Each structure stands twice: as C-alpha cells, then as structure tokens.
Amino acid sequence: MGLGSFIGAGRSLDPAIRRVRRAEELGYESVYVTHIAGRDSITLLSIYAANSERVRVGTGVIPLYTRTPANMAQSFATLDEFSGGRAVAGLGVSHKPVVEGWYGQSIDKPLPEMREYVEILRAIFRDEDPPPGEKFRTGFHFMGYEPLRPDLPIYLAGLSPGMLRLAGEIADGVVLWLCNPHYIRDVVVPTVREGRRKAGKALEGFDIVAAVPSAVTDDPTAALDQLRSELGTYFHLPYYRAMIERSGFDPDEGATDEFIRLLAAVGPPDEAIESVRRYRDCGAGSPCVGGISGTDFDATLEALAKSLD
C-alpha cells in the first residue's frame, strides 16, 4: 500500500516505459494499467516489469470475460514470476457494451460470476482442484510448474455495495474509479469492512486503490474542462450512474464543477498534493494518480511524489 500511479502507453511505449522508471525512482509503490481497446494489459505489465525492479504491477482492471479462468491464471502466474512477485491481478465485471460488443460474452449474474471466477483462480494458484461453477468450469492444473506465489493478490473493481462487500470477503483489495473521497469514507470503507467481517478478517491489510485524475498546473480551468469531457461516457453507464447517485450527485447533470473538484487533484502543487492526501485521510490506502489529456503528466508525477511525505 502507498502512493501509486496509472501509466497508460498511449501511442508509443517509450514514454510510458520512461514514466514507469521515473515513478519508481520517485518512490511510487505501484503502477497500474487499464484494459481498454489498446494493448493487452498483462503483456504491457510484463514490459513495465522488465523496466523496473520494485514497483508492484497490476491491472486496474481487466474484465474477467476477456479470458477463461485457466488462461487468466496462466497469464498472471507468468507475470508474477517474471516480475519477481510484484503482480496484482485486478479483475472487473466491466459493462454490457464492452463484454458483448468486444468479447462476445455475456454478463448474467455479476456477483456470483465474480465469486466463482476468483474461487477458481485461487484454486489453480494453490494447485487445488478448481471448484465447479455455474458459468465457469475447468479441470485445469499447472503441469511441471508451480506459481511463484500461491497467494497472488487479487483485487476487484468495486462500485456497488454488493461488489464492495464481495471484495472485502474474497479479495485482497479493491480498485475504484470515479469514487470521490467522501464516497470512500461513507460507503466503500464500511461496506468492505462488512465483507471482511463475514470472512472473519480485519480491515487492516486490505488495499483500497483509488484512481485520482491529476494535473499539477497553473491553469486548472483547462484541465478540469478536459477531464469533464473525458468523463462524459461514464455518466451513461448503469453501474456508474448508480454509484454517482449514491455519492449525492445527479448523473443526468453530468460532471459538475463540484463533482470534478472533489474527485480530482488539479491545480498548483500544494492544492493537488492536498487533494491526494484527502483520499488517504478518507480511507484509501493506495491513492493512484493518473493523467489528464493535454496536461504534463511527467510534471504531475514529479510534484505529487511529495504527497508521500
């Protein structure tokens, strides 16, 4: 746990690799990547691992429907071995347009499907017989190979109380997007704690990763306007709409000034640093800064490293 970063590859790998190296030098604890219509996220993390020595490398997140549980286990076990035990398997349900339109799969029962997927992954990592699921079934075992860590950490993407509770019960952490510090304090932390109690575990040691759109700049208006345009799609997706309503905002109003200023770390260095620290104060053990298009993300990484102090 600690300050992390989201470092996407964009059009070229070279700048991303330089950023990963610099983030490690600056003291960042982790580097996450999203899994969108670009490079394969686990392959990309292997490249990041080859160019770093210490930072954890994780998906934030990969939809579970992109790979069968057996294939997902193979991919993460290989990444974990190559990175020397630094991989984090961040899994999410994603959304109907993505799952159906891109991957030709279906989301039928999100919570049961996530539960059985994680149970199968854990069994494979531990060289146990995978339990039969309603949606996912496999008899896979590694042959002539043992994963580096049978307890490889699994994080779940969580927005709703149901998924947050499940994350607390069966996972090692949760990855959040568009969840402002107040939502983390009032909804995420108490709901995750319920799941931990159900599993007979304490909240301590459970990692709450919160993505923080960030830009250290003397022109916050331009950065905030750009962020507003980037967030538009999310306000039309059902899972995000429900979370935004629970946060006390009207999704039909879009990304209001109040919503964005509470969510983002944008402005001069001192203001942006304070915004990141607010996440930690509200219960996010691992705030993770990510860039905003049209801003200098390298300068932002440099400046926000001071929030580690």
C-alpha atoms as a PDB file:
ATOM      1  CA  MET A   1       0.000   0.000   0.000  1.00  0.00           C
ATOM      2  CA  GLY A   2       1.140   3.552  -0.690  1.00  0.00           C
ATOM      3  CA  LEU A   3       1.052   6.124  -3.443  1.00  0.00           C
ATOM      4  CA  GLY A   4       0.536   4.531  -6.847  1.00  0.00           C
ATOM      5  CA  SER A   5       0.095   5.582 -10.441  1.00  0.00           C
ATOM      6  CA  PHE A   6      -1.852   4.715 -13.559  1.00  0.00           C
ATOM      7  CA  ILE A   7       0.510   4.827 -16.522  1.00  0.00           C
ATOM      8  CA  GLY A   8      -1.044   4.153 -19.903  1.00  0.00           C
ATOM      9  CA  ALA A   9       1.024   3.508 -23.012  1.00  0.00           C
ATOM     10  CA  GLY A  10      -0.788   5.858 -25.389  1.00  0.00           C
ATOM     11  CA  ARG A  11       0.551   5.892 -28.946  1.00  0.00           C
ATOM     12  CA  SER A  12       4.103   4.913 -28.031  1.00  0.00           C
ATOM     13  CA  LEU A  13       5.634   2.572 -25.475  1.00  0.00           C
ATOM     14  CA  ASP A  14       8.851   4.534 -24.991  1.00  0.00           C
ATOM     15  CA  PRO A  15       7.407   7.468 -22.989  1.00  0.00           C
ATOM     16  CA  ALA A  16       5.408   5.053 -20.846  1.00  0.00           C
ATOM     17  CA  ILE A  17       8.495   2.998 -20.037  1.00  0.00           C
ATOM     18  CA  ARG A  18      10.380   6.158 -19.080  1.00  0.00           C
ATOM     19  CA  ARG A  19       7.498   7.137 -16.793  1.00  0.00           C
ATOM     20  CA  VAL A  20       7.494   3.757 -15.084  1.00  0.00           C
ATOM     21  CA  ARG A  21      11.211   4.068 -14.398  1.00  0.00           C
ATOM     22  CA  ARG A  22      10.791   7.604 -13.107  1.00  0.00           C
ATOM     23  CA  ALA A  23       7.798   6.686 -10.932  1.00  0.00           C
ATOM     24  CA  GLU A  24       9.917   4.004  -9.285  1.00  0.00           C
ATOM     25  CA  GLU A  25      12.771   6.463  -8.723  1.00  0.00           C
ATOM     26  CA  LEU A  26      10.333   8.927  -7.139  1.00  0.00           C
ATOM     27  CA  GLY A  27       9.094   6.357  -4.629  1.00  0.00           C
ATOM     28  CA  TYR A  28       5.757   5.344  -6.098  1.00  0.00           C
ATOM     29  CA  GLU A  29       4.716   1.934  -4.796  1.00  0.00           C
ATOM     30  CA  SER A  30       2.697   0.644  -7.743  1.00  0.00           C
ATOM     31  CA  VAL A  31       1.920   1.063 -11.421  1.00  0.00           C
ATOM     32  CA  TYR A  32      -1.490   0.071 -12.784  1.00  0.00           C
ATOM     33  CA  VAL A  33      -2.845  -0.101 -16.305  1.00  0.00           C
ATOM     34  CA  THR A  34      -6.385  -0.229 -17.614  1.00  0.00           C
ATOM     35  CA  HIS A  35      -7.567  -2.820 -20.129  1.00  0.00           C
ATOM     36  CA  ILE A  36      -9.269  -0.976 -22.962  1.00  0.00           C
ATOM     37  CA  ALA A  37      -9.226  -1.076 -26.754  1.00  0.00           C
ATOM     38  CA  GLY A  38      -5.461  -0.886 -26.993  1.00  0.00           C
ATOM     39  CA  ARG A  39      -2.577  -3.052 -25.888  1.00  0.00           C
ATOM     40  CA  ASP A  40      -3.153  -6.197 -23.872  1.00  0.00           C
ATOM     41  CA  SER A  41      -2.806  -5.115 -20.252  1.00  0.00           C
ATOM     42  CA  ILE A  42      -0.941  -8.137 -18.873  1.00  0.00           C
ATOM     43  CA  THR A  43       1.545  -8.102 -21.748  1.00  0.00           C
ATOM     44  CA  LEU A  44       2.058  -4.375 -21.169  1.00  0.00           C
ATOM     45  CA  LEU A  45       2.737  -5.015 -17.483  1.00  0.00           C
ATOM     46  CA  SER A  46       5.421  -7.530 -18.452  1.00  0.00           C
ATOM     47  CA  ILE A  47       7.167  -4.728 -20.346  1.00  0.00           C
ATOM     48  CA  TYR A  48       6.841  -2.456 -17.313  1.00  0.00           C
ATOM     49  CA  ALA A  49       8.204  -5.208 -15.054  1.00  0.00           C
ATOM     50  CA  ALA A  50      11.203  -5.632 -17.339  1.00  0.00           C
ATOM     51  CA  ASN A  51      11.981  -1.930 -16.895  1.00  0.00           C
ATOM     52  CA  SER A  52      11.578  -1.719 -13.130  1.00  0.00           C
ATOM     53  CA  GLU A  53      12.744  -3.519 -10.027  1.00  0.00           C
ATOM     54  CA  ARG A  54      10.472  -2.649  -7.134  1.00  0.00           C
ATOM     55  CA  VAL A  55       7.034  -1.265  -8.049  1.00  0.00           C
ATOM     56  CA  ARG A  56       4.031  -3.570  -7.990  1.00  0.00           C
ATOM     57  CA  VAL A  57       2.471  -4.004 -11.428  1.00  0.00           C
ATOM     58  CA  GLY A  58      -1.265  -4.557 -11.657  1.00  0.00           C
ATOM     59  CA  THR A  59      -4.310  -4.415 -13.877  1.00  0.00           C
ATOM     60  CA  GLY A  60      -6.744  -1.751 -12.895  1.00  0.00           C
ATOM     61  CA  VAL A  61      -8.705  -3.679 -14.104  1.00  0.00           C
ATOM     62  CA  ILE A  62      -9.052  -6.457 -16.687  1.00  0.00           C
ATOM     63  CA  PRO A  63     -12.597  -7.712 -17.406  1.00  0.00           C
ATOM     64  CA  LEU A  64     -12.882 -11.320 -16.279  1.00  0.00           C
ATOM     65  CA  TYR A  65     -14.726 -12.194 -19.503  1.00  0.00           C
ATOM     66  CA  THR A  66     -11.638 -11.497 -21.637  1.00  0.00           C
ATOM     67  CA  ARG A  67     -10.015 -14.771 -20.560  1.00  0.00           C
ATOM     68  CA  THR A  68     -11.141 -18.078 -19.145  1.00  0.00           C
ATOM     69  CA  PRO A  69     -10.088 -18.572 -15.502  1.00  0.00           C
ATOM     70  CA  ALA A  70      -7.412 -21.072 -16.590  1.00  0.00           C
ATOM     71  CA  ASN A  71      -5.928 -18.651 -19.105  1.00  0.00           C
ATOM     72  CA  MET A  72      -6.109 -15.762 -16.628  1.00  0.00           C
ATOM     73  CA  ALA A  73      -4.271 -17.853 -14.042  1.00  0.00           C
ATOM     74  CA  GLN A  74      -1.553 -18.730 -16.539  1.00  0.00           C
ATOM     75  CA  SER A  75      -1.136 -15.109 -17.583  1.00  0.00           C
ATOM     76  CA  PHE A  76      -0.858 -13.691 -14.064  1.00  0.00           C
ATOM     77  CA  ALA A  77       1.324 -16.524 -12.774  1.00  0.00           C
ATOM     78  CA  THR A  78       3.736 -15.862 -15.631  1.00  0.00           C
ATOM     79  CA  LEU A  79       3.735 -12.101 -14.981  1.00  0.00           C
ATOM     80  CA  ASP A  80       4.263 -12.689 -11.270  1.00  0.00           C
ATOM     81  CA  GLU A  81       7.220 -14.993 -11.884  1.00  0.00           C
ATOM     82  CA  PHE A  82       8.789 -12.628 -14.403  1.00  0.00           C
ATOM     83  CA  SER A  83       8.373  -9.618 -12.102  1.00  0.00           C
ATOM     84  CA  GLY A  84       9.729 -11.405  -9.042  1.00  0.00           C
ATOM     85  CA  GLY A  85       6.452 -11.471  -7.143  1.00  0.00           C
ATOM     86  CA  ARG A  86       5.147  -7.986  -7.952  1.00  0.00           C
ATOM     87  CA  ALA A  87       1.927  -8.770  -9.857  1.00  0.00           C
ATOM     88  CA  VAL A  88      -1.569  -7.743  -8.767  1.00  0.00           C
ATOM     89  CA  ALA A  89      -4.495  -9.399 -10.531  1.00  0.00           C
ATOM     90  CA  GLY A  90      -7.099  -6.653 -10.728  1.00  0.00           C
ATOM     91  CA  LEU A  91     -10.389  -8.052 -12.059  1.00  0.00           C
ATOM     92  CA  GLY A  92     -13.648  -6.374 -13.010  1.00  0.00           C
ATOM     93  CA  VAL A  93     -17.030  -7.218 -14.491  1.00  0.00           C
ATOM     94  CA  SER A  94     -16.874  -4.321 -16.981  1.00  0.00           C
ATOM     95  CA  HIS A  95     -20.069  -3.298 -18.805  1.00  0.00           C
ATOM     96  CA  LYS A  96     -22.537  -4.894 -21.195  1.00  0.00           C
ATOM     97  CA  PRO A  97     -21.460  -2.933 -24.319  1.00  0.00           C
ATOM     98  CA  VAL A  98     -17.838  -3.970 -23.789  1.00  0.00           C
ATOM     99  CA  VAL A  99     -18.423  -7.578 -22.769  1.00  0.00           C
ATOM    100  CA  GLU A 100     -20.957  -8.279 -25.504  1.00  0.00           C
ATOM    101  CA  GLY A 101     -19.710  -5.947 -28.233  1.00  0.00           C
ATOM    102  CA  TRP A 102     -15.983  -6.551 -27.909  1.00  0.00           C
ATOM    103  CA  TYR A 103     -15.632 -10.042 -26.497  1.00  0.00           C
ATOM    104  CA  GLY A 104     -18.829 -11.809 -27.495  1.00  0.00           C
ATOM    105  CA  GLN A 105     -19.552 -12.834 -23.906  1.00  0.00           C
ATOM    106  CA  SER A 106     -22.411 -12.047 -21.526  1.00  0.00           C
ATOM    107  CA  ILE A 107     -22.780 -10.683 -18.014  1.00  0.00           C
ATOM    108  CA  ASP A 108     -25.552 -12.769 -16.473  1.00  0.00           C
ATOM    109  CA  LYS A 109     -25.076 -12.743 -12.692  1.00  0.00           C
ATOM    110  CA  PRO A 110     -22.203 -10.368 -11.879  1.00  0.00           C
ATOM    111  CA  LEU A 111     -21.699 -11.172  -8.193  1.00  0.00           C
ATOM    112  CA  PRO A 112     -21.949 -14.999  -8.423  1.00  0.00           C
ATOM    113  CA  GLU A 113     -19.822 -14.997 -11.556  1.00  0.00           C
ATOM    114  CA  MET A 114     -17.104 -12.912  -9.930  1.00  0.00           C
ATOM    115  CA  ARG A 115     -17.155 -15.108  -6.845  1.00  0.00           C
ATOM    116  CA  GLU A 116     -16.770 -18.364  -8.761  1.00  0.00           C
ATOM    117  CA  TYR A 117     -14.106 -16.879 -11.055  1.00  0.00           C
ATOM    118  CA  VAL A 118     -11.979 -15.838  -8.070  1.00  0.00           C
ATOM    119  CA  GLU A 119     -12.512 -19.190  -6.349  1.00  0.00           C
ATOM    120  CA  ILE A 120     -11.246 -20.975  -9.462  1.00  0.00           C
ATOM    121  CA  LEU A 121      -8.220 -18.684  -9.769  1.00  0.00           C
ATOM    122  CA  ARG A 122      -7.246 -19.213  -6.147  1.00  0.00           C
ATOM    123  CA  ALA A 123      -7.598 -22.990  -6.516  1.00  0.00           C
ATOM    124  CA  ILE A 124      -5.371 -23.013  -9.602  1.00  0.00           C
ATOM    125  CA  PHE A 125      -2.712 -20.866  -7.914  1.00  0.00           C
ATOM    126  CA  ARG A 126      -2.737 -23.271  -4.931  1.00  0.00           C
ATOM    127  CA  ASP A 127      -2.666 -26.413  -7.082  1.00  0.00           C
ATOM    128  CA  GLU A 128      -6.100 -27.480  -5.859  1.00  0.00           C
ATOM    129  CA  ASP A 129      -8.991 -28.893  -7.866  1.00  0.00           C
ATOM    130  CA  PRO A 130     -10.947 -25.908  -9.252  1.00  0.00           C
ATOM    131  CA  PRO A 131     -14.492 -25.872  -7.878  1.00  0.00           C
ATOM    132  CA  PRO A 132     -17.260 -26.267 -10.466  1.00  0.00           C
ATOM    133  CA  GLY A 133     -19.087 -23.045 -11.195  1.00  0.00           C
ATOM    134  CA  GLU A 134     -22.388 -22.280 -12.823  1.00  0.00           C
ATOM    135  CA  LYS A 135     -20.750 -20.210 -15.570  1.00  0.00           C
ATOM    136  CA  PHE A 136     -17.063 -21.127 -15.412  1.00  0.00           C
ATOM    137  CA  ARG A 137     -15.881 -24.735 -15.352  1.00  0.00           C
ATOM    138  CA  THR A 138     -12.375 -26.090 -15.721  1.00  0.00           C
ATOM    139  CA  GLY A 139     -10.220 -29.016 -14.676  1.00  0.00           C
ATOM    140  CA  PHE A 140      -7.016 -27.055 -15.248  1.00  0.00           C
ATOM    141  CA  HIS A 141      -3.872 -27.742 -13.201  1.00  0.00           C
ATOM    142  CA  PHE A 142      -0.368 -26.477 -13.854  1.00  0.00           C
ATOM    143  CA  MET A 143       1.837 -29.325 -15.069  1.00  0.00           C
ATOM    144  CA  GLY A 144       5.526 -29.323 -14.188  1.00  0.00           C
ATOM    145  CA  TYR A 145       5.282 -25.758 -12.942  1.00  0.00           C
ATOM    146  CA  GLU A 146       4.436 -24.099  -9.633  1.00  0.00           C
ATOM    147  CA  PRO A 147       3.340 -20.453  -9.448  1.00  0.00           C
ATOM    148  CA  LEU A 148       5.754 -18.229  -7.567  1.00  0.00           C
ATOM    149  CA  ARG A 149       3.022 -17.154  -5.132  1.00  0.00           C
ATOM    150  CA  PRO A 150       0.039 -19.414  -4.426  1.00  0.00           C
ATOM    151  CA  ASP A 151      -1.493 -16.385  -2.674  1.00  0.00           C
ATOM    152  CA  LEU A 152      -1.015 -13.974  -5.584  1.00  0.00           C
ATOM    153  CA  PRO A 153      -3.110 -10.919  -4.639  1.00  0.00           C
ATOM    154  CA  ILE A 154      -6.473 -10.495  -6.337  1.00  0.00           C
ATOM    155  CA  TYR A 155      -8.243  -7.122  -6.339  1.00  0.00           C
ATOM    156  CA  LEU A 156     -11.784  -6.493  -7.550  1.00  0.00           C
ATOM    157  CA  ALA A 157     -13.203  -3.411  -9.245  1.00  0.00           C
ATOM    158  CA  GLY A 158     -15.963  -2.199  -6.963  1.00  0.00           C
ATOM    159  CA  LEU A 159     -18.659   0.460  -7.217  1.00  0.00           C
ATOM    160  CA  SER A 160     -21.855  -1.021  -5.783  1.00  0.00           C
ATOM    161  CA  PRO A 161     -22.272  -2.144  -2.159  1.00  0.00           C
ATOM    162  CA  GLY A 162     -22.698  -5.731  -3.362  1.00  0.00           C
ATOM    163  CA  MET A 163     -19.365  -5.851  -5.190  1.00  0.00           C
ATOM    164  CA  LEU A 164     -17.609  -3.880  -2.458  1.00  0.00           C
ATOM    165  CA  ARG A 165     -18.879  -6.359   0.129  1.00  0.00           C
ATOM    166  CA  LEU A 166     -17.777  -9.271  -2.035  1.00  0.00           C
ATOM    167  CA  ALA A 167     -14.331  -7.704  -2.470  1.00  0.00           C
ATOM    168  CA  GLY A 168     -13.960  -7.442   1.283  1.00  0.00           C
ATOM    169  CA  GLU A 169     -14.964 -11.078   1.672  1.00  0.00           C
ATOM    170  CA  ILE A 170     -12.929 -12.826  -1.053  1.00  0.00           C
ATOM    171  CA  ALA A 171     -10.280 -10.418  -2.357  1.00  0.00           C
ATOM    172  CA  ASP A 172      -7.126  -8.702  -1.143  1.00  0.00           C
ATOM    173  CA  GLY A 173      -8.069  -5.241  -2.341  1.00  0.00           C
ATOM    174  CA  VAL A 174     -10.496  -3.136  -4.339  1.00  0.00           C
ATOM    175  CA  VAL A 175      -9.874  -0.812  -7.293  1.00  0.00           C
ATOM    176  CA  LEU A 176     -12.054   2.307  -7.520  1.00  0.00           C
ATOM    177  CA  TRP A 177     -12.772   4.742 -10.330  1.00  0.00           C
ATOM    178  CA  LEU A 178     -14.888   7.908 -10.074  1.00  0.00           C
ATOM    179  CA  CYS A 179     -15.237   7.302  -6.337  1.00  0.00           C
ATOM    180  CA  ASN A 180     -14.517  10.557  -4.545  1.00  0.00           C
ATOM    181  CA  PRO A 181     -13.031  10.665  -1.018  1.00  0.00           C
ATOM    182  CA  HIS A 182     -16.412  11.136   0.663  1.00  0.00           C
ATOM    183  CA  TYR A 183     -17.841   8.082  -1.113  1.00  0.00           C
ATOM    184  CA  ILE A 184     -14.803   6.111   0.004  1.00  0.00           C
ATOM    185  CA  ARG A 185     -15.261   7.225   3.598  1.00  0.00           C
ATOM    186  CA  ASP A 186     -19.043   6.831   3.771  1.00  0.00           C
ATOM    187  CA  VAL A 187     -19.688   3.812   1.514  1.00  0.00           C
ATOM    188  CA  VAL A 188     -16.545   1.956   0.474  1.00  0.00           C
ATOM    189  CA  VAL A 189     -14.800   1.556   3.819  1.00  0.00           C
ATOM    190  CA  PRO A 190     -17.823   0.472   5.912  1.00  0.00           C
ATOM    191  CA  THR A 191     -19.103  -1.865   3.178  1.00  0.00           C
ATOM    192  CA  VAL A 192     -15.724  -3.511   2.634  1.00  0.00           C
ATOM    193  CA  ARG A 193     -15.482  -3.919   6.396  1.00  0.00           C
ATOM    194  CA  GLU A 194     -18.762  -5.861   6.342  1.00  0.00           C
ATOM    195  CA  GLY A 195     -17.278  -8.273   3.830  1.00  0.00           C
ATOM    196  CA  ARG A 196     -14.113  -8.661   5.860  1.00  0.00           C
ATOM    197  CA  ARG A 197     -16.159  -9.474   8.953  1.00  0.00           C
ATOM    198  CA  LYS A 198     -18.074 -12.123   7.023  1.00  0.00           C
ATOM    199  CA  ALA A 199     -14.753 -13.746   6.136  1.00  0.00           C
ATOM    200  CA  GLY A 200     -13.504 -13.434   9.711  1.00  0.00           C
ATOM    201  CA  LYS A 201     -10.856 -10.907   8.750  1.00  0.00           C
ATOM    202  CA  ALA A 202      -9.934  -7.399   9.852  1.00  0.00           C
ATOM    203  CA  LEU A 203      -9.935  -4.399   7.514  1.00  0.00           C
ATOM    204  CA  GLU A 204      -6.220  -3.905   8.143  1.00  0.00           C
ATOM    205  CA  GLY A 205      -4.168  -5.273   5.273  1.00  0.00           C
ATOM    206  CA  PHE A 206      -6.954  -4.838   2.719  1.00  0.00           C
ATOM    207  CA  ASP A 207      -5.834  -2.464  -0.026  1.00  0.00           C
ATOM    208  CA  ILE A 208      -8.160   0.288  -1.262  1.00  0.00           C
ATOM    209  CA  VAL A 209      -6.822   1.580  -4.585  1.00  0.00           C
ATOM    210  CA  ALA A 210      -8.451   4.831  -5.671  1.00  0.00           C
ATOM    211  CA  ALA A 211      -7.728   6.252  -9.115  1.00  0.00           C
ATOM    212  CA  VAL A 212      -7.195  10.014  -8.849  1.00  0.00           C
ATOM    213  CA  PRO A 213      -7.264  12.027 -12.110  1.00  0.00           C
ATOM    214  CA  SER A 214      -4.460  14.507 -11.601  1.00  0.00           C
ATOM    215  CA  ALA A 215      -2.809  17.534 -13.166  1.00  0.00           C
ATOM    216  CA  VAL A 216      -0.387  19.873 -11.457  1.00  0.00           C
ATOM    217  CA  THR A 217      -0.904  23.078 -13.390  1.00  0.00           C
ATOM    218  CA  ASP A 218      -1.298  26.828 -13.050  1.00  0.00           C
ATOM    219  CA  ASP A 219      -4.274  26.627 -15.428  1.00  0.00           C
ATOM    220  CA  PRO A 220      -6.718  24.339 -13.602  1.00  0.00           C
ATOM    221  CA  THR A 221      -9.705  25.514 -15.636  1.00  0.00           C
ATOM    222  CA  ALA A 222      -8.403  23.987 -18.862  1.00  0.00           C
ATOM    223  CA  ALA A 223      -7.504  20.714 -17.122  1.00  0.00           C
ATOM    224  CA  LEU A 224     -10.887  20.474 -15.397  1.00  0.00           C
ATOM    225  CA  ASP A 225     -12.735  21.169 -18.647  1.00  0.00           C
ATOM    226  CA  GLN A 226     -10.739  18.433 -20.369  1.00  0.00           C
ATOM    227  CA  LEU A 227     -11.487  15.998 -17.552  1.00  0.00           C
ATOM    228  CA  ARG A 228     -15.173  16.853 -17.778  1.00  0.00           C
ATOM    229  CA  SER A 229     -15.181  15.900 -21.444  1.00  0.00           C
ATOM    230  CA  GLU A 230     -13.333  12.646 -20.722  1.00  0.00           C
ATOM    231  CA  LEU A 231     -15.842  11.597 -18.070  1.00  0.00           C
ATOM    232  CA  GLY A 232     -18.961  12.052 -20.188  1.00  0.00           C
ATOM    233  CA  THR A 233     -19.307   8.396 -21.230  1.00  0.00           C
ATOM    234  CA  TYR A 234     -19.335   7.100 -17.669  1.00  0.00           C
ATOM    235  CA  PHE A 235     -22.456   9.056 -16.771  1.00  0.00           C
ATOM    236  CA  HIS A 236     -24.405   6.899 -19.246  1.00  0.00           C
ATOM    237  CA  LEU A 237     -23.264   3.511 -17.899  1.00  0.00           C
ATOM    238  CA  PRO A 238     -25.661   1.920 -15.374  1.00  0.00           C
ATOM    239  CA  TYR A 239     -23.076   0.844 -12.770  1.00  0.00           C
ATOM    240  CA  TYR A 240     -21.513   4.295 -12.677  1.00  0.00           C
ATOM    241  CA  ARG A 241     -24.856   6.088 -12.666  1.00  0.00           C
ATOM    242  CA  ALA A 242     -25.914   4.165  -9.573  1.00  0.00           C
ATOM    243  CA  MET A 243     -22.645   4.949  -7.805  1.00  0.00           C
ATOM    244  CA  ILE A 244     -22.847   8.636  -8.724  1.00  0.00           C
ATOM    245  CA  GLU A 245     -26.355   8.809  -7.267  1.00  0.00           C
ATOM    246  CA  ARG A 246     -25.131   7.189  -4.061  1.00  0.00           C
ATOM    247  CA  SER A 247     -22.411   9.851  -3.968  1.00  0.00           C
ATOM    248  CA  GLY A 248     -25.128  12.518  -3.770  1.00  0.00           C
ATOM    249  CA  PHE A 249     -24.896  13.743  -7.365  1.00  0.00           C
ATOM    250  CA  ASP A 250     -27.361  13.632 -10.247  1.00  0.00           C
ATOM    251  CA  PRO A 251     -25.813  11.675 -13.157  1.00  0.00           C
ATOM    252  CA  ASP A 252     -28.136  13.461 -15.583  1.00  0.00           C
ATOM    253  CA  GLU A 253     -26.359  16.710 -14.751  1.00  0.00           C
ATOM    254  CA  GLY A 254     -23.044  15.262 -15.886  1.00  0.00           C
ATOM    255  CA  ALA A 255     -19.695  16.076 -14.303  1.00  0.00           C
ATOM    256  CA  THR A 256     -20.480  19.254 -12.395  1.00  0.00           C
ATOM    257  CA  ASP A 257     -17.780  21.549 -11.020  1.00  0.00           C
ATOM    258  CA  GLU A 258     -18.418  20.237  -7.520  1.00  0.00           C
ATOM    259  CA  PHE A 259     -18.160  16.605  -8.645  1.00  0.00           C
ATOM    260  CA  ILE A 260     -14.895  17.160 -10.506  1.00  0.00           C
ATOM    261  CA  ARG A 261     -13.210  19.260  -7.859  1.00  0.00           C
ATOM    262  CA  LEU A 262     -13.995  16.663  -5.207  1.00  0.00           C
ATOM    263  CA  LEU A 263     -12.761  13.835  -7.429  1.00  0.00           C
ATOM    264  CA  ALA A 264      -9.612  15.266  -8.989  1.00  0.00           C
ATOM    265  CA  ALA A 265      -6.221  16.506  -7.858  1.00  0.00           C
ATOM    266  CA  VAL A 266      -5.880  19.520 -10.140  1.00  0.00           C
ATOM    267  CA  GLY A 267      -4.181  22.861  -9.572  1.00  0.00           C
ATOM    268  CA  PRO A 268      -0.914  24.241  -8.198  1.00  0.00           C
ATOM    269  CA  PRO A 269       1.338  21.718  -6.414  1.00  0.00           C
ATOM    270  CA  ASP A 270       0.157  22.388  -2.865  1.00  0.00           C
ATOM    271  CA  GLU A 271      -3.526  22.102  -3.801  1.00  0.00           C
ATOM    272  CA  ALA A 272      -3.059  18.933  -5.828  1.00  0.00           C
ATOM    273  CA  ILE A 273      -0.981  17.302  -3.097  1.00  0.00           C
ATOM    274  CA  GLU A 274      -3.665  18.125  -0.532  1.00  0.00           C
ATOM    275  CA  SER A 275      -6.304  16.536  -2.779  1.00  0.00           C
ATOM    276  CA  VAL A 276      -4.330  13.283  -2.939  1.00  0.00           C
ATOM    277  CA  ARG A 277      -3.838  13.289   0.820  1.00  0.00           C
ATOM    278  CA  ARG A 278      -7.588  13.729   1.267  1.00  0.00           C
ATOM    279  CA  TYR A 279      -8.083  10.331  -0.352  1.00  0.00           C
ATOM    280  CA  ARG A 280      -5.745   8.729   2.139  1.00  0.00           C
ATOM    281  CA  ASP A 281      -7.416  10.524   5.047  1.00  0.00           C
ATOM    282  CA  CYS A 282     -10.783   9.117   3.915  1.00  0.00           C
ATOM    283  CA  GLY A 283      -9.547   5.515   3.856  1.00  0.00           C
ATOM    284  CA  ALA A 284      -7.862   4.903   0.503  1.00  0.00           C
ATOM    285  CA  GLY A 285      -4.570   3.269   1.456  1.00  0.00           C
ATOM    286  CA  SER A 286      -3.350   3.467  -2.140  1.00  0.00           C
ATOM    287  CA  PRO A 287      -4.402   6.610  -3.978  1.00  0.00           C
ATOM    288  CA  CYS A 288      -3.171   6.235  -7.567  1.00  0.00           C
ATOM    289  CA  VAL A 289      -2.613   9.305  -9.703  1.00  0.00           C
ATOM    290  CA  GLY A 290      -3.464   9.242 -13.385  1.00  0.00           C
ATOM    291  CA  GLY A 291      -3.001  11.812 -16.096  1.00  0.00           C
ATOM    292  CA  ILE A 292      -5.472  14.102 -17.866  1.00  0.00           C
ATOM    293  CA  SER A 293      -5.117  14.596 -21.612  1.00  0.00           C
ATOM    294  CA  GLY A 294      -3.412  17.812 -22.636  1.00  0.00           C
ATOM    295  CA  THR A 295      -1.561  18.221 -19.337  1.00  0.00           C
ATOM    296  CA  ASP A 296       2.036  17.461 -18.397  1.00  0.00           C
ATOM    297  CA  PHE A 297       1.768  14.101 -16.638  1.00  0.00           C
ATOM    298  CA  ASP A 298       5.536  13.865 -16.116  1.00  0.00           C
ATOM    299  CA  ALA A 299       5.480  17.099 -14.128  1.00  0.00           C
ATOM    300  CA  THR A 300       2.433  15.850 -12.238  1.00  0.00           C
ATOM    301  CA  LEU A 301       4.195  12.624 -11.236  1.00  0.00           C
ATOM    302  CA  GLU A 302       7.179  14.652 -10.041  1.00  0.00           C
ATOM    303  CA  ALA A 303       5.119  17.076  -7.982  1.00  0.00           C
ATOM    304  CA  LEU A 304       2.707  14.563  -6.447  1.00  0.00           C
ATOM    305  CA  ALA A 305       5.511  12.313  -5.252  1.00  0.00           C
ATOM    306  CA  LYS A 306       5.746  14.830  -2.408  1.00  0.00           C
ATOM    307  CA  SER A 307       2.374  13.616  -1.117  1.00  0.00           C
ATOM    308  CA  LEU A 308       4.342  10.578   0.111  1.00  0.00           C
ATOM    309  CA  ASP A 309       5.914  12.802   2.782  1.00  0.00           C
END
